[in-house]
Amino acid sequence: AMPGVEIRRVWSLRNRFLLKLSNMPGVDRALDQLNPDVIHANDATSAFVATSVRRRKHAVVTVHGIGYAKSDWPPPFRQGIRVFQQRAVKRAAEVVATDDATASALRSIKQDVSVISPGVDTDVFRRGFYSWPEKLTQGKINVLFVGRLNMVKGFDLLVDAFTRLEPSDRSDLIMTVIGGGPLARLVGKAGPVNWLGELPHESLPPY
């Protein structure tokens, strides 16, 4: 944890689809205990709790994209999360989107939406500062993907783009993948892939 930051953990089911739904009562109780001046919510379920009638004037909701891939959120979870998000956006004191497309979509619900792009710590992620990682192929153009291997992150689109390339165009390229997830089965379809699996955050800057 960072100095000066208190972490409160709440109970939830260890299930991909029920995790966030099940922790809503715990988030609600924690907010009642803390009674904060500002609440910053970053996902649909916590935003729904944070924008209840008694708290909405304190709530800032950040929306990280608006896509809900069917494979990631099957019915009825996908529809439920969409309803939670729409109501939270409507009630929030401030709404922030991480990109222009998301902001444009949200403005059909609430006109005043700010755009703040995700940031990068440039003191840590510094070009040319680190030596070449041993596991990164030299002599090739490395197309690097870092993230969860799912449709929301667009991993399927990257693999599809690779498969559409002519072999001669692909000879100088290699896809380097850091991460895991439900679309890991697609890794081998892009030809030779340097798949490093899941790595701790602190090991990512050299890549």
N, C-alpha and C. Protein backbone atom coordinates (compact mmCIF):
# COMPACT_ATOMS: atom_id res chain seq x y z
N ALA A 1 0.83 -1.19 0.00
CA ALA A 1 0.00 0.00 0.00
C ALA A 1 0.87 1.25 0.00
N MET A 2 0.32 2.33 -0.54
CA MET A 2 1.05 3.60 -0.56
C MET A 2 0.96 4.25 0.81
N PRO A 3 2.00 5.00 1.20
CA PRO A 3 1.94 5.71 2.48
C PRO A 3 0.75 6.66 2.52
N GLY A 4 0.03 6.65 3.62
CA GLY A 4 -1.11 7.54 3.78
C GLY A 4 -2.39 7.04 3.14
N VAL A 5 -2.35 5.84 2.56
CA VAL A 5 -3.54 5.28 1.92
C VAL A 5 -4.04 4.11 2.75
N GLU A 6 -5.28 4.19 3.19
CA GLU A 6 -5.90 3.10 3.96
C GLU A 6 -6.71 2.22 3.00
N ILE A 7 -6.55 0.93 3.10
CA ILE A 7 -7.30 -0.02 2.28
C ILE A 7 -8.32 -0.74 3.14
N ARG A 8 -9.57 -0.72 2.71
CA ARG A 8 -10.63 -1.47 3.40
C ARG A 8 -11.09 -2.58 2.47
N ARG A 9 -11.03 -3.78 2.93
CA ARG A 9 -11.45 -4.92 2.12
C ARG A 9 -12.87 -5.32 2.51
N VAL A 10 -13.67 -5.67 1.51
CA VAL A 10 -15.03 -6.10 1.77
C VAL A 10 -15.22 -7.51 1.22
N TRP A 11 -16.18 -8.21 1.81
CA TRP A 11 -16.43 -9.59 1.42
C TRP A 11 -17.05 -9.66 0.03
N SER A 12 -16.67 -10.69 -0.73
CA SER A 12 -17.31 -10.93 -2.02
C SER A 12 -17.16 -12.40 -2.37
N LEU A 13 -18.03 -12.87 -3.25
CA LEU A 13 -17.92 -14.23 -3.75
C LEU A 13 -16.74 -14.33 -4.72
N ARG A 14 -16.03 -15.43 -4.69
CA ARG A 14 -14.89 -15.61 -5.59
C ARG A 14 -15.39 -16.21 -6.90
N ASN A 15 -16.17 -15.43 -7.58
CA ASN A 15 -16.75 -15.84 -8.86
C ASN A 15 -16.65 -14.67 -9.80
N ARG A 16 -16.19 -14.91 -11.02
CA ARG A 16 -15.95 -13.81 -11.96
C ARG A 16 -17.16 -12.93 -12.16
N PHE A 17 -18.35 -13.53 -12.29
CA PHE A 17 -19.54 -12.76 -12.62
C PHE A 17 -20.25 -12.21 -11.39
N LEU A 18 -20.08 -12.87 -10.23
CA LEU A 18 -20.79 -12.44 -9.03
C LEU A 18 -19.92 -11.62 -8.08
N LEU A 19 -18.62 -11.52 -8.37
CA LEU A 19 -17.71 -10.84 -7.45
C LEU A 19 -18.17 -9.41 -7.15
N LYS A 20 -18.37 -8.61 -8.20
CA LYS A 20 -18.71 -7.20 -7.98
C LYS A 20 -20.13 -7.03 -7.46
N LEU A 21 -21.03 -7.88 -7.90
CA LEU A 21 -22.40 -7.80 -7.39
C LEU A 21 -22.44 -8.13 -5.90
N SER A 22 -21.69 -9.16 -5.51
CA SER A 22 -21.74 -9.61 -4.11
C SER A 22 -21.05 -8.66 -3.15
N ASN A 23 -20.12 -7.80 -3.66
CA ASN A 23 -19.45 -6.90 -2.72
C ASN A 23 -20.18 -5.57 -2.53
N MET A 24 -21.31 -5.39 -3.22
CA MET A 24 -22.05 -4.13 -3.10
C MET A 24 -22.51 -3.84 -1.66
N PRO A 25 -23.05 -4.82 -0.92
CA PRO A 25 -23.42 -4.52 0.48
C PRO A 25 -22.22 -4.10 1.33
N GLY A 26 -21.07 -4.75 1.11
CA GLY A 26 -19.87 -4.39 1.87
C GLY A 26 -19.39 -2.98 1.54
N VAL A 27 -19.43 -2.61 0.26
CA VAL A 27 -19.07 -1.25 -0.15
C VAL A 27 -20.03 -0.24 0.48
N ASP A 28 -21.31 -0.58 0.51
CA ASP A 28 -22.32 0.31 1.09
C ASP A 28 -22.05 0.54 2.58
N ARG A 29 -21.76 -0.53 3.31
CA ARG A 29 -21.47 -0.40 4.75
C ARG A 29 -20.19 0.40 4.97
N ALA A 30 -19.15 0.15 4.17
CA ALA A 30 -17.89 0.88 4.33
C ALA A 30 -18.08 2.37 4.11
N LEU A 31 -18.88 2.73 3.11
CA LEU A 31 -19.14 4.16 2.86
C LEU A 31 -19.92 4.78 4.00
N ASP A 32 -20.84 4.04 4.59
CA ASP A 32 -21.57 4.57 5.74
C ASP A 32 -20.64 4.82 6.91
N GLN A 33 -19.69 3.92 7.12
CA GLN A 33 -18.75 4.07 8.23
C GLN A 33 -17.78 5.23 8.00
N LEU A 34 -17.31 5.37 6.77
CA LEU A 34 -16.31 6.39 6.46
C LEU A 34 -16.93 7.77 6.30
N ASN A 35 -18.14 7.83 5.74
CA ASN A 35 -18.81 9.09 5.46
C ASN A 35 -17.87 10.09 4.76
N PRO A 36 -17.33 9.74 3.60
CA PRO A 36 -16.30 10.57 2.95
C PRO A 36 -16.87 11.84 2.32
N ASP A 37 -16.00 12.82 2.14
CA ASP A 37 -16.39 14.06 1.47
C ASP A 37 -16.48 13.86 -0.04
N VAL A 38 -15.64 12.99 -0.57
CA VAL A 38 -15.65 12.68 -2.01
C VAL A 38 -15.54 11.17 -2.17
N ILE A 39 -16.34 10.64 -3.08
CA ILE A 39 -16.28 9.22 -3.41
C ILE A 39 -15.93 9.11 -4.89
N HIS A 40 -14.88 8.35 -5.21
CA HIS A 40 -14.49 8.15 -6.61
C HIS A 40 -14.70 6.69 -6.96
N ALA A 41 -15.67 6.42 -7.82
CA ALA A 41 -16.01 5.04 -8.20
C ALA A 41 -15.54 4.77 -9.62
N ASN A 42 -15.00 3.55 -9.83
CA ASN A 42 -14.40 3.22 -11.12
C ASN A 42 -15.03 2.03 -11.82
N ASP A 43 -16.11 1.50 -11.29
CA ASP A 43 -16.82 0.43 -12.00
C ASP A 43 -18.31 0.58 -11.73
N ALA A 44 -19.11 -0.11 -12.53
CA ALA A 44 -20.55 0.12 -12.54
C ALA A 44 -21.22 -0.17 -11.20
N THR A 45 -20.84 -1.27 -10.55
CA THR A 45 -21.52 -1.64 -9.32
C THR A 45 -21.17 -0.71 -8.16
N SER A 46 -19.88 -0.41 -7.99
CA SER A 46 -19.51 0.52 -6.90
C SER A 46 -20.05 1.92 -7.19
N ALA A 47 -20.12 2.30 -8.47
CA ALA A 47 -20.68 3.60 -8.82
C ALA A 47 -22.17 3.66 -8.48
N PHE A 48 -22.87 2.56 -8.68
CA PHE A 48 -24.30 2.50 -8.34
C PHE A 48 -24.49 2.71 -6.84
N VAL A 49 -23.64 2.05 -6.03
CA VAL A 49 -23.71 2.21 -4.58
C VAL A 49 -23.34 3.64 -4.18
N ALA A 50 -22.29 4.18 -4.82
CA ALA A 50 -21.78 5.51 -4.46
C ALA A 50 -22.75 6.63 -4.81
N THR A 51 -23.64 6.39 -5.75
CA THR A 51 -24.55 7.44 -6.20
C THR A 51 -25.96 7.26 -5.65
N SER A 52 -26.06 6.56 -4.51
CA SER A 52 -27.37 6.45 -3.86
C SER A 52 -27.85 7.84 -3.47
N VAL A 53 -29.10 7.97 -3.17
CA VAL A 53 -29.72 9.28 -2.92
C VAL A 53 -28.96 10.07 -1.86
N ARG A 54 -28.52 9.40 -0.80
CA ARG A 54 -27.88 10.12 0.31
C ARG A 54 -26.42 10.47 0.03
N ARG A 55 -25.84 9.95 -1.09
CA ARG A 55 -24.42 10.18 -1.35
C ARG A 55 -24.14 10.87 -2.67
N ARG A 56 -25.11 10.98 -3.55
CA ARG A 56 -24.82 11.33 -4.94
C ARG A 56 -24.07 12.66 -5.11
N LYS A 57 -24.27 13.61 -4.21
CA LYS A 57 -23.60 14.91 -4.36
C LYS A 57 -22.10 14.81 -4.11
N HIS A 58 -21.65 13.68 -3.54
CA HIS A 58 -20.22 13.49 -3.26
C HIS A 58 -19.54 12.58 -4.28
N ALA A 59 -20.29 12.06 -5.25
CA ALA A 59 -19.78 10.97 -6.09
C ALA A 59 -19.19 11.45 -7.41
N VAL A 60 -17.96 11.00 -7.67
CA VAL A 60 -17.32 11.16 -8.98
C VAL A 60 -17.23 9.77 -9.59
N VAL A 61 -17.76 9.61 -10.80
CA VAL A 61 -17.77 8.30 -11.46
C VAL A 61 -16.89 8.36 -12.70
N THR A 62 -15.91 7.47 -12.78
CA THR A 62 -15.08 7.35 -13.97
C THR A 62 -15.49 6.11 -14.74
N VAL A 63 -15.74 6.27 -16.04
CA VAL A 63 -16.17 5.17 -16.89
C VAL A 63 -15.03 4.82 -17.85
N HIS A 64 -14.56 3.59 -17.76
CA HIS A 64 -13.43 3.13 -18.56
C HIS A 64 -13.93 2.35 -19.77
N GLY A 65 -14.56 3.04 -20.70
CA GLY A 65 -15.08 2.37 -21.89
C GLY A 65 -16.50 1.90 -21.69
N ILE A 66 -17.17 1.58 -22.78
CA ILE A 66 -18.59 1.24 -22.71
C ILE A 66 -18.89 -0.12 -23.32
N GLY A 67 -17.87 -0.89 -23.66
CA GLY A 67 -18.10 -2.18 -24.30
C GLY A 67 -18.30 -3.30 -23.30
N TYR A 68 -19.24 -4.17 -23.62
CA TYR A 68 -19.48 -5.36 -22.79
C TYR A 68 -19.50 -6.57 -23.72
N ALA A 69 -18.37 -7.20 -23.91
CA ALA A 69 -18.29 -8.34 -24.82
C ALA A 69 -19.14 -9.49 -24.30
N LYS A 70 -19.87 -10.15 -25.20
CA LYS A 70 -20.76 -11.23 -24.80
C LYS A 70 -20.02 -12.35 -24.10
N SER A 71 -18.81 -12.64 -24.56
CA SER A 71 -18.05 -13.73 -23.94
C SER A 71 -17.59 -13.38 -22.53
N ASP A 72 -17.41 -12.09 -22.25
CA ASP A 72 -16.96 -11.67 -20.93
C ASP A 72 -18.11 -11.49 -19.96
N TRP A 73 -19.25 -10.97 -20.46
CA TRP A 73 -20.40 -10.71 -19.60
C TRP A 73 -21.67 -11.23 -20.28
N PRO A 74 -21.97 -12.51 -20.09
CA PRO A 74 -23.18 -13.07 -20.71
C PRO A 74 -24.44 -12.52 -20.04
N PRO A 75 -25.61 -12.65 -20.69
CA PRO A 75 -26.87 -12.27 -20.05
C PRO A 75 -27.08 -13.13 -18.80
N PRO A 76 -27.69 -12.60 -17.74
CA PRO A 76 -28.22 -11.24 -17.64
C PRO A 76 -27.23 -10.25 -17.05
N PHE A 77 -25.99 -10.71 -16.81
CA PHE A 77 -25.01 -9.84 -16.15
C PHE A 77 -24.71 -8.60 -17.00
N ARG A 78 -24.59 -8.79 -18.31
CA ARG A 78 -24.25 -7.66 -19.18
C ARG A 78 -25.32 -6.58 -19.11
N GLN A 79 -26.59 -6.99 -19.20
CA GLN A 79 -27.67 -6.01 -19.14
C GLN A 79 -27.75 -5.34 -17.76
N GLY A 80 -27.51 -6.13 -16.72
CA GLY A 80 -27.56 -5.58 -15.36
C GLY A 80 -26.49 -4.54 -15.13
N ILE A 81 -25.28 -4.84 -15.56
CA ILE A 81 -24.19 -3.89 -15.37
C ILE A 81 -24.44 -2.62 -16.17
N ARG A 82 -25.01 -2.76 -17.36
CA ARG A 82 -25.33 -1.58 -18.16
C ARG A 82 -26.34 -0.69 -17.42
N VAL A 83 -27.35 -1.29 -16.79
CA VAL A 83 -28.33 -0.52 -16.04
C VAL A 83 -27.68 0.17 -14.86
N PHE A 84 -26.82 -0.55 -14.12
CA PHE A 84 -26.10 0.05 -12.99
C PHE A 84 -25.30 1.27 -13.47
N GLN A 85 -24.59 1.10 -14.57
CA GLN A 85 -23.75 2.20 -15.06
C GLN A 85 -24.58 3.40 -15.50
N GLN A 86 -25.65 3.17 -16.22
CA GLN A 86 -26.50 4.26 -16.70
C GLN A 86 -27.08 5.06 -15.55
N ARG A 87 -27.57 4.37 -14.54
CA ARG A 87 -28.16 5.07 -13.39
C ARG A 87 -27.11 5.81 -12.58
N ALA A 88 -25.92 5.22 -12.46
CA ALA A 88 -24.85 5.89 -11.72
C ALA A 88 -24.41 7.16 -12.45
N VAL A 89 -24.28 7.08 -13.76
CA VAL A 89 -23.88 8.26 -14.55
C VAL A 89 -24.92 9.37 -14.41
N LYS A 90 -26.17 9.01 -14.44
CA LYS A 90 -27.24 9.99 -14.35
C LYS A 90 -27.24 10.69 -12.99
N ARG A 91 -26.90 9.95 -11.93
CA ARG A 91 -26.98 10.49 -10.57
C ARG A 91 -25.71 11.19 -10.10
N ALA A 92 -24.56 10.87 -10.67
CA ALA A 92 -23.26 11.32 -10.15
C ALA A 92 -23.13 12.84 -10.18
N ALA A 93 -22.36 13.36 -9.22
CA ALA A 93 -22.06 14.79 -9.21
C ALA A 93 -21.15 15.14 -10.37
N GLU A 94 -20.17 14.28 -10.67
CA GLU A 94 -19.24 14.49 -11.77
C GLU A 94 -19.04 13.16 -12.49
N VAL A 95 -18.93 13.22 -13.81
CA VAL A 95 -18.68 12.01 -14.60
C VAL A 95 -17.43 12.24 -15.45
N VAL A 96 -16.53 11.27 -15.42
CA VAL A 96 -15.29 11.32 -16.19
C VAL A 96 -15.25 10.10 -17.11
N ALA A 97 -14.87 10.31 -18.36
CA ALA A 97 -14.63 9.21 -19.29
C ALA A 97 -13.15 9.17 -19.63
N THR A 98 -12.65 7.99 -19.96
CA THR A 98 -11.23 7.87 -20.26
C THR A 98 -10.92 8.04 -21.74
N ASP A 99 -11.96 8.24 -22.58
CA ASP A 99 -11.73 8.47 -24.01
C ASP A 99 -12.93 9.21 -24.59
N ASP A 100 -12.74 9.80 -25.77
CA ASP A 100 -13.77 10.63 -26.39
C ASP A 100 -14.99 9.82 -26.82
N ALA A 101 -14.79 8.59 -27.31
CA ALA A 101 -15.92 7.78 -27.75
C ALA A 101 -16.85 7.45 -26.59
N THR A 102 -16.25 7.11 -25.44
CA THR A 102 -17.05 6.82 -24.25
C THR A 102 -17.79 8.07 -23.79
N ALA A 103 -17.10 9.21 -23.78
CA ALA A 103 -17.73 10.46 -23.37
C ALA A 103 -18.91 10.79 -24.26
N SER A 104 -18.76 10.61 -25.56
CA SER A 104 -19.84 10.90 -26.51
C SER A 104 -21.06 10.04 -26.22
N ALA A 105 -20.84 8.76 -25.94
CA ALA A 105 -21.95 7.86 -25.63
C ALA A 105 -22.62 8.24 -24.32
N LEU A 106 -21.83 8.62 -23.32
CA LEU A 106 -22.38 8.96 -22.01
C LEU A 106 -23.19 10.25 -22.04
N ARG A 107 -22.89 11.14 -22.98
CA ARG A 107 -23.59 12.42 -23.04
C ARG A 107 -25.05 12.28 -23.44
N SER A 108 -25.45 11.09 -23.91
CA SER A 108 -26.87 10.85 -24.14
C SER A 108 -27.60 10.64 -22.82
N ILE A 109 -26.82 10.38 -21.75
CA ILE A 109 -27.39 10.20 -20.41
C ILE A 109 -27.19 11.45 -19.56
N LYS A 110 -25.99 12.01 -19.64
CA LYS A 110 -25.65 13.20 -18.84
C LYS A 110 -24.77 14.10 -19.70
N GLN A 111 -25.15 15.32 -19.90
CA GLN A 111 -24.47 16.20 -20.84
C GLN A 111 -23.05 16.55 -20.42
N ASP A 112 -22.86 16.78 -19.13
CA ASP A 112 -21.56 17.26 -18.65
C ASP A 112 -20.65 16.08 -18.31
N VAL A 113 -19.80 15.69 -19.26
CA VAL A 113 -18.85 14.59 -19.06
C VAL A 113 -17.45 15.08 -19.42
N SER A 114 -16.52 14.92 -18.50
CA SER A 114 -15.13 15.30 -18.76
C SER A 114 -14.36 14.12 -19.31
N VAL A 115 -13.28 14.39 -20.03
CA VAL A 115 -12.41 13.33 -20.55
C VAL A 115 -11.03 13.48 -19.91
N ILE A 116 -10.61 12.45 -19.20
CA ILE A 116 -9.26 12.40 -18.64
C ILE A 116 -8.66 11.07 -19.05
N SER A 117 -7.68 11.10 -19.94
CA SER A 117 -7.07 9.87 -20.42
C SER A 117 -6.28 9.18 -19.32
N PRO A 118 -6.20 7.84 -19.36
CA PRO A 118 -5.39 7.13 -18.37
C PRO A 118 -3.94 7.62 -18.42
N GLY A 119 -3.34 7.76 -17.27
CA GLY A 119 -1.99 8.31 -17.19
C GLY A 119 -0.92 7.24 -17.12
N VAL A 120 0.30 7.62 -17.38
CA VAL A 120 1.47 6.76 -17.29
C VAL A 120 2.52 7.48 -16.45
N ASP A 121 3.10 6.78 -15.51
CA ASP A 121 4.15 7.37 -14.68
C ASP A 121 5.44 7.41 -15.50
N THR A 122 5.76 8.57 -16.03
CA THR A 122 6.91 8.70 -16.92
C THR A 122 8.25 8.64 -16.17
N ASP A 123 8.21 8.68 -14.84
CA ASP A 123 9.44 8.46 -14.08
C ASP A 123 9.79 6.98 -14.04
N VAL A 124 8.77 6.13 -14.25
CA VAL A 124 8.98 4.68 -14.22
C VAL A 124 9.05 4.11 -15.63
N PHE A 125 8.09 4.49 -16.48
CA PHE A 125 8.08 4.00 -17.85
C PHE A 125 8.84 4.98 -18.74
N ARG A 126 10.15 4.74 -18.84
CA ARG A 126 11.05 5.68 -19.52
C ARG A 126 11.69 5.00 -20.72
N ARG A 127 11.49 5.58 -21.87
CA ARG A 127 12.06 5.02 -23.11
C ARG A 127 13.59 5.10 -23.07
N GLY A 128 14.24 3.98 -23.38
CA GLY A 128 15.69 3.96 -23.46
C GLY A 128 16.40 3.90 -22.12
N PHE A 129 15.66 3.82 -21.03
CA PHE A 129 16.27 3.84 -19.70
C PHE A 129 16.69 2.44 -19.25
N TYR A 130 15.97 1.42 -19.70
CA TYR A 130 16.21 0.05 -19.24
C TYR A 130 16.96 -0.75 -20.30
N SER A 131 17.68 -1.75 -19.85
CA SER A 131 18.35 -2.64 -20.79
C SER A 131 17.31 -3.56 -21.44
N TRP A 132 17.66 -4.11 -22.60
CA TRP A 132 16.74 -4.97 -23.35
C TRP A 132 16.41 -6.22 -22.53
N PRO A 133 15.12 -6.50 -22.30
CA PRO A 133 14.76 -7.69 -21.50
C PRO A 133 15.20 -8.98 -22.19
N GLU A 134 15.70 -9.93 -21.41
CA GLU A 134 16.18 -11.19 -21.97
C GLU A 134 15.08 -11.93 -22.73
N LYS A 135 13.84 -11.82 -22.26
CA LYS A 135 12.75 -12.58 -22.87
C LYS A 135 12.12 -11.89 -24.06
N LEU A 136 12.62 -10.72 -24.43
CA LEU A 136 12.09 -10.01 -25.59
C LEU A 136 12.98 -10.29 -26.80
N THR A 137 12.41 -10.79 -27.87
CA THR A 137 13.17 -11.24 -29.03
C THR A 137 13.92 -10.09 -29.69
N GLN A 138 15.22 -10.26 -29.88
CA GLN A 138 16.01 -9.25 -30.59
C GLN A 138 16.06 -9.60 -32.09
N GLY A 139 16.25 -8.58 -32.90
CA GLY A 139 16.32 -8.78 -34.33
C GLY A 139 14.96 -8.87 -35.00
N LYS A 140 13.91 -8.66 -34.24
CA LYS A 140 12.54 -8.66 -34.76
C LYS A 140 11.83 -7.38 -34.34
N ILE A 141 10.78 -7.04 -35.08
CA ILE A 141 9.89 -5.96 -34.63
C ILE A 141 8.89 -6.59 -33.68
N ASN A 142 8.98 -6.24 -32.41
CA ASN A 142 8.09 -6.81 -31.40
C ASN A 142 6.81 -5.99 -31.31
N VAL A 143 5.70 -6.64 -31.57
CA VAL A 143 4.38 -6.04 -31.34
C VAL A 143 3.95 -6.49 -29.96
N LEU A 144 3.93 -5.56 -29.03
CA LEU A 144 3.74 -5.90 -27.61
C LEU A 144 2.29 -5.69 -27.18
N PHE A 145 1.73 -6.73 -26.56
CA PHE A 145 0.40 -6.62 -25.93
C PHE A 145 0.58 -6.90 -24.45
N VAL A 146 0.09 -5.99 -23.62
CA VAL A 146 0.13 -6.19 -22.17
C VAL A 146 -1.28 -5.97 -21.64
N GLY A 147 -1.85 -7.00 -21.02
CA GLY A 147 -3.20 -6.85 -20.48
C GLY A 147 -3.92 -8.17 -20.40
N ARG A 148 -5.16 -8.11 -19.97
CA ARG A 148 -5.99 -9.30 -19.89
C ARG A 148 -6.36 -9.75 -21.30
N LEU A 149 -6.24 -11.03 -21.54
CA LEU A 149 -6.52 -11.57 -22.87
C LEU A 149 -8.01 -11.81 -23.02
N ASN A 150 -8.73 -10.74 -23.34
CA ASN A 150 -10.17 -10.85 -23.56
C ASN A 150 -10.61 -9.91 -24.67
N MET A 151 -11.88 -9.95 -25.01
CA MET A 151 -12.38 -9.15 -26.12
C MET A 151 -12.47 -7.67 -25.78
N VAL A 152 -12.74 -7.35 -24.51
CA VAL A 152 -12.82 -5.95 -24.12
C VAL A 152 -11.49 -5.24 -24.36
N LYS A 153 -10.38 -5.96 -24.15
CA LYS A 153 -9.05 -5.39 -24.37
C LYS A 153 -8.63 -5.46 -25.84
N GLY A 154 -9.44 -6.12 -26.68
CA GLY A 154 -9.15 -6.16 -28.11
C GLY A 154 -8.11 -7.18 -28.51
N PHE A 155 -7.83 -8.15 -27.65
CA PHE A 155 -6.81 -9.13 -28.00
C PHE A 155 -7.21 -9.95 -29.22
N ASP A 156 -8.49 -10.25 -29.36
CA ASP A 156 -8.96 -11.00 -30.53
C ASP A 156 -8.71 -10.23 -31.82
N LEU A 157 -8.81 -8.89 -31.76
CA LEU A 157 -8.58 -8.07 -32.95
C LEU A 157 -7.11 -8.08 -33.36
N LEU A 158 -6.23 -8.07 -32.35
CA LEU A 158 -4.80 -8.12 -32.64
C LEU A 158 -4.42 -9.45 -33.31
N VAL A 159 -4.94 -10.55 -32.78
CA VAL A 159 -4.65 -11.85 -33.36
C VAL A 159 -5.20 -11.93 -34.78
N ASP A 160 -6.41 -11.42 -34.98
CA ASP A 160 -7.01 -11.43 -36.31
C ASP A 160 -6.16 -10.63 -37.30
N ALA A 161 -5.65 -9.48 -36.86
CA ALA A 161 -4.81 -8.66 -37.73
C ALA A 161 -3.55 -9.41 -38.15
N PHE A 162 -2.95 -10.13 -37.21
CA PHE A 162 -1.75 -10.91 -37.52
C PHE A 162 -2.05 -12.01 -38.54
N THR A 163 -3.18 -12.68 -38.37
CA THR A 163 -3.49 -13.79 -39.28
C THR A 163 -3.80 -13.30 -40.69
N ARG A 164 -4.16 -12.05 -40.85
CA ARG A 164 -4.46 -11.50 -42.17
C ARG A 164 -3.21 -11.06 -42.94
N LEU A 165 -2.10 -10.96 -42.25
CA LEU A 165 -0.87 -10.54 -42.91
C LEU A 165 -0.32 -11.65 -43.80
N GLU A 166 0.26 -11.26 -44.93
CA GLU A 166 0.97 -12.21 -45.77
C GLU A 166 2.22 -12.70 -45.03
N PRO A 167 2.59 -13.96 -45.21
CA PRO A 167 3.79 -14.49 -44.53
C PRO A 167 5.03 -13.61 -44.73
N SER A 168 5.19 -13.04 -45.94
CA SER A 168 6.36 -12.19 -46.19
C SER A 168 6.32 -10.92 -45.36
N ASP A 169 5.11 -10.40 -45.12
CA ASP A 169 4.97 -9.19 -44.30
C ASP A 169 5.17 -9.48 -42.82
N ARG A 170 4.96 -10.75 -42.44
CA ARG A 170 5.01 -11.12 -41.04
C ARG A 170 6.38 -11.62 -40.62
N SER A 171 7.27 -11.80 -41.58
CA SER A 171 8.56 -12.44 -41.28
C SER A 171 9.42 -11.63 -40.32
N ASP A 172 9.28 -10.30 -40.33
CA ASP A 172 10.09 -9.46 -39.45
C ASP A 172 9.38 -9.13 -38.14
N LEU A 173 8.16 -9.64 -37.97
CA LEU A 173 7.36 -9.32 -36.79
C LEU A 173 7.27 -10.50 -35.84
N ILE A 174 7.15 -10.20 -34.57
CA ILE A 174 6.79 -11.22 -33.59
C ILE A 174 5.89 -10.56 -32.54
N MET A 175 4.84 -11.25 -32.20
CA MET A 175 3.94 -10.74 -31.17
C MET A 175 4.45 -11.19 -29.80
N THR A 176 4.67 -10.24 -28.93
CA THR A 176 5.04 -10.54 -27.55
C THR A 176 3.82 -10.24 -26.68
N VAL A 177 3.40 -11.24 -25.92
CA VAL A 177 2.17 -11.13 -25.13
C VAL A 177 2.49 -11.29 -23.66
N ILE A 178 2.06 -10.30 -22.86
CA ILE A 178 2.16 -10.38 -21.40
C ILE A 178 0.74 -10.32 -20.85
N GLY A 179 0.33 -11.39 -20.19
CA GLY A 179 -1.01 -11.43 -19.63
C GLY A 179 -1.63 -12.80 -19.74
N GLY A 180 -2.79 -12.97 -19.15
CA GLY A 180 -3.55 -14.20 -19.22
C GLY A 180 -5.02 -13.87 -19.29
N GLY A 181 -5.83 -14.87 -19.56
CA GLY A 181 -7.26 -14.63 -19.64
C GLY A 181 -7.97 -15.61 -20.54
N PRO A 182 -9.26 -15.41 -20.75
CA PRO A 182 -10.08 -16.39 -21.48
C PRO A 182 -9.70 -16.59 -22.94
N LEU A 183 -9.01 -15.63 -23.55
CA LEU A 183 -8.64 -15.77 -24.96
C LEU A 183 -7.21 -16.27 -25.14
N ALA A 184 -6.64 -16.84 -24.10
CA ALA A 184 -5.28 -17.37 -24.20
C ALA A 184 -5.19 -18.45 -25.29
N ARG A 185 -6.33 -19.09 -25.56
CA ARG A 185 -6.34 -20.14 -26.59
C ARG A 185 -6.02 -19.60 -27.98
N LEU A 186 -6.15 -18.27 -28.17
CA LEU A 186 -5.88 -17.67 -29.48
C LEU A 186 -4.41 -17.39 -29.72
N VAL A 187 -3.60 -17.48 -28.67
CA VAL A 187 -2.21 -17.05 -28.78
C VAL A 187 -1.49 -17.74 -29.93
N GLY A 188 -1.65 -19.04 -30.07
CA GLY A 188 -0.94 -19.78 -31.09
C GLY A 188 -1.41 -19.52 -32.50
N LYS A 189 -2.58 -18.88 -32.67
CA LYS A 189 -3.12 -18.65 -34.01
C LYS A 189 -2.42 -17.52 -34.75
N ALA A 190 -1.62 -16.74 -34.07
CA ALA A 190 -0.96 -15.58 -34.69
C ALA A 190 0.42 -15.94 -35.21
N GLY A 191 0.73 -17.24 -35.31
CA GLY A 191 2.06 -17.63 -35.74
C GLY A 191 2.99 -17.69 -34.53
N PRO A 192 4.29 -17.57 -34.74
CA PRO A 192 5.22 -17.58 -33.60
C PRO A 192 4.92 -16.43 -32.65
N VAL A 193 4.67 -16.77 -31.40
CA VAL A 193 4.33 -15.77 -30.39
C VAL A 193 5.24 -15.95 -29.18
N ASN A 194 5.74 -14.85 -28.68
CA ASN A 194 6.55 -14.85 -27.46
C ASN A 194 5.61 -14.56 -26.30
N TRP A 195 5.03 -15.61 -25.71
CA TRP A 195 4.02 -15.44 -24.65
C TRP A 195 4.69 -15.58 -23.30
N LEU A 196 4.70 -14.51 -22.52
CA LEU A 196 5.41 -14.48 -21.24
C LEU A 196 4.48 -14.72 -20.06
N GLY A 197 3.18 -14.86 -20.32
CA GLY A 197 2.24 -15.08 -19.22
C GLY A 197 2.03 -13.82 -18.41
N GLU A 198 1.54 -13.99 -17.21
CA GLU A 198 1.29 -12.85 -16.32
C GLU A 198 2.57 -12.49 -15.57
N LEU A 199 2.91 -11.20 -15.59
CA LEU A 199 4.10 -10.71 -14.89
C LEU A 199 3.69 -9.66 -13.86
N PRO A 200 4.42 -9.56 -12.76
CA PRO A 200 4.11 -8.50 -11.77
C PRO A 200 4.34 -7.13 -12.39
N HIS A 201 3.54 -6.17 -11.92
CA HIS A 201 3.56 -4.82 -12.49
C HIS A 201 4.96 -4.20 -12.50
N GLU A 202 5.71 -4.44 -11.43
CA GLU A 202 7.03 -3.80 -11.31
C GLU A 202 8.02 -4.31 -12.34
N SER A 203 7.73 -5.44 -12.98
CA SER A 203 8.65 -5.97 -13.99
C SER A 203 8.33 -5.49 -15.40
N LEU A 204 7.27 -4.70 -15.57
CA LEU A 204 6.83 -4.29 -16.90
C LEU A 204 7.63 -3.15 -17.55
N PRO A 205 8.15 -2.19 -16.81
CA PRO A 205 8.79 -1.03 -17.46
C PRO A 205 9.83 -1.37 -18.52
N PRO A 206 10.70 -2.36 -18.35
CA PRO A 206 11.67 -2.63 -19.43
C PRO A 206 11.01 -3.02 -20.75
N TYR A 207 9.85 -3.66 -20.69
CA TYR A 207 9.16 -4.04 -21.92
C TYR A 207 8.53 -2.84 -22.61
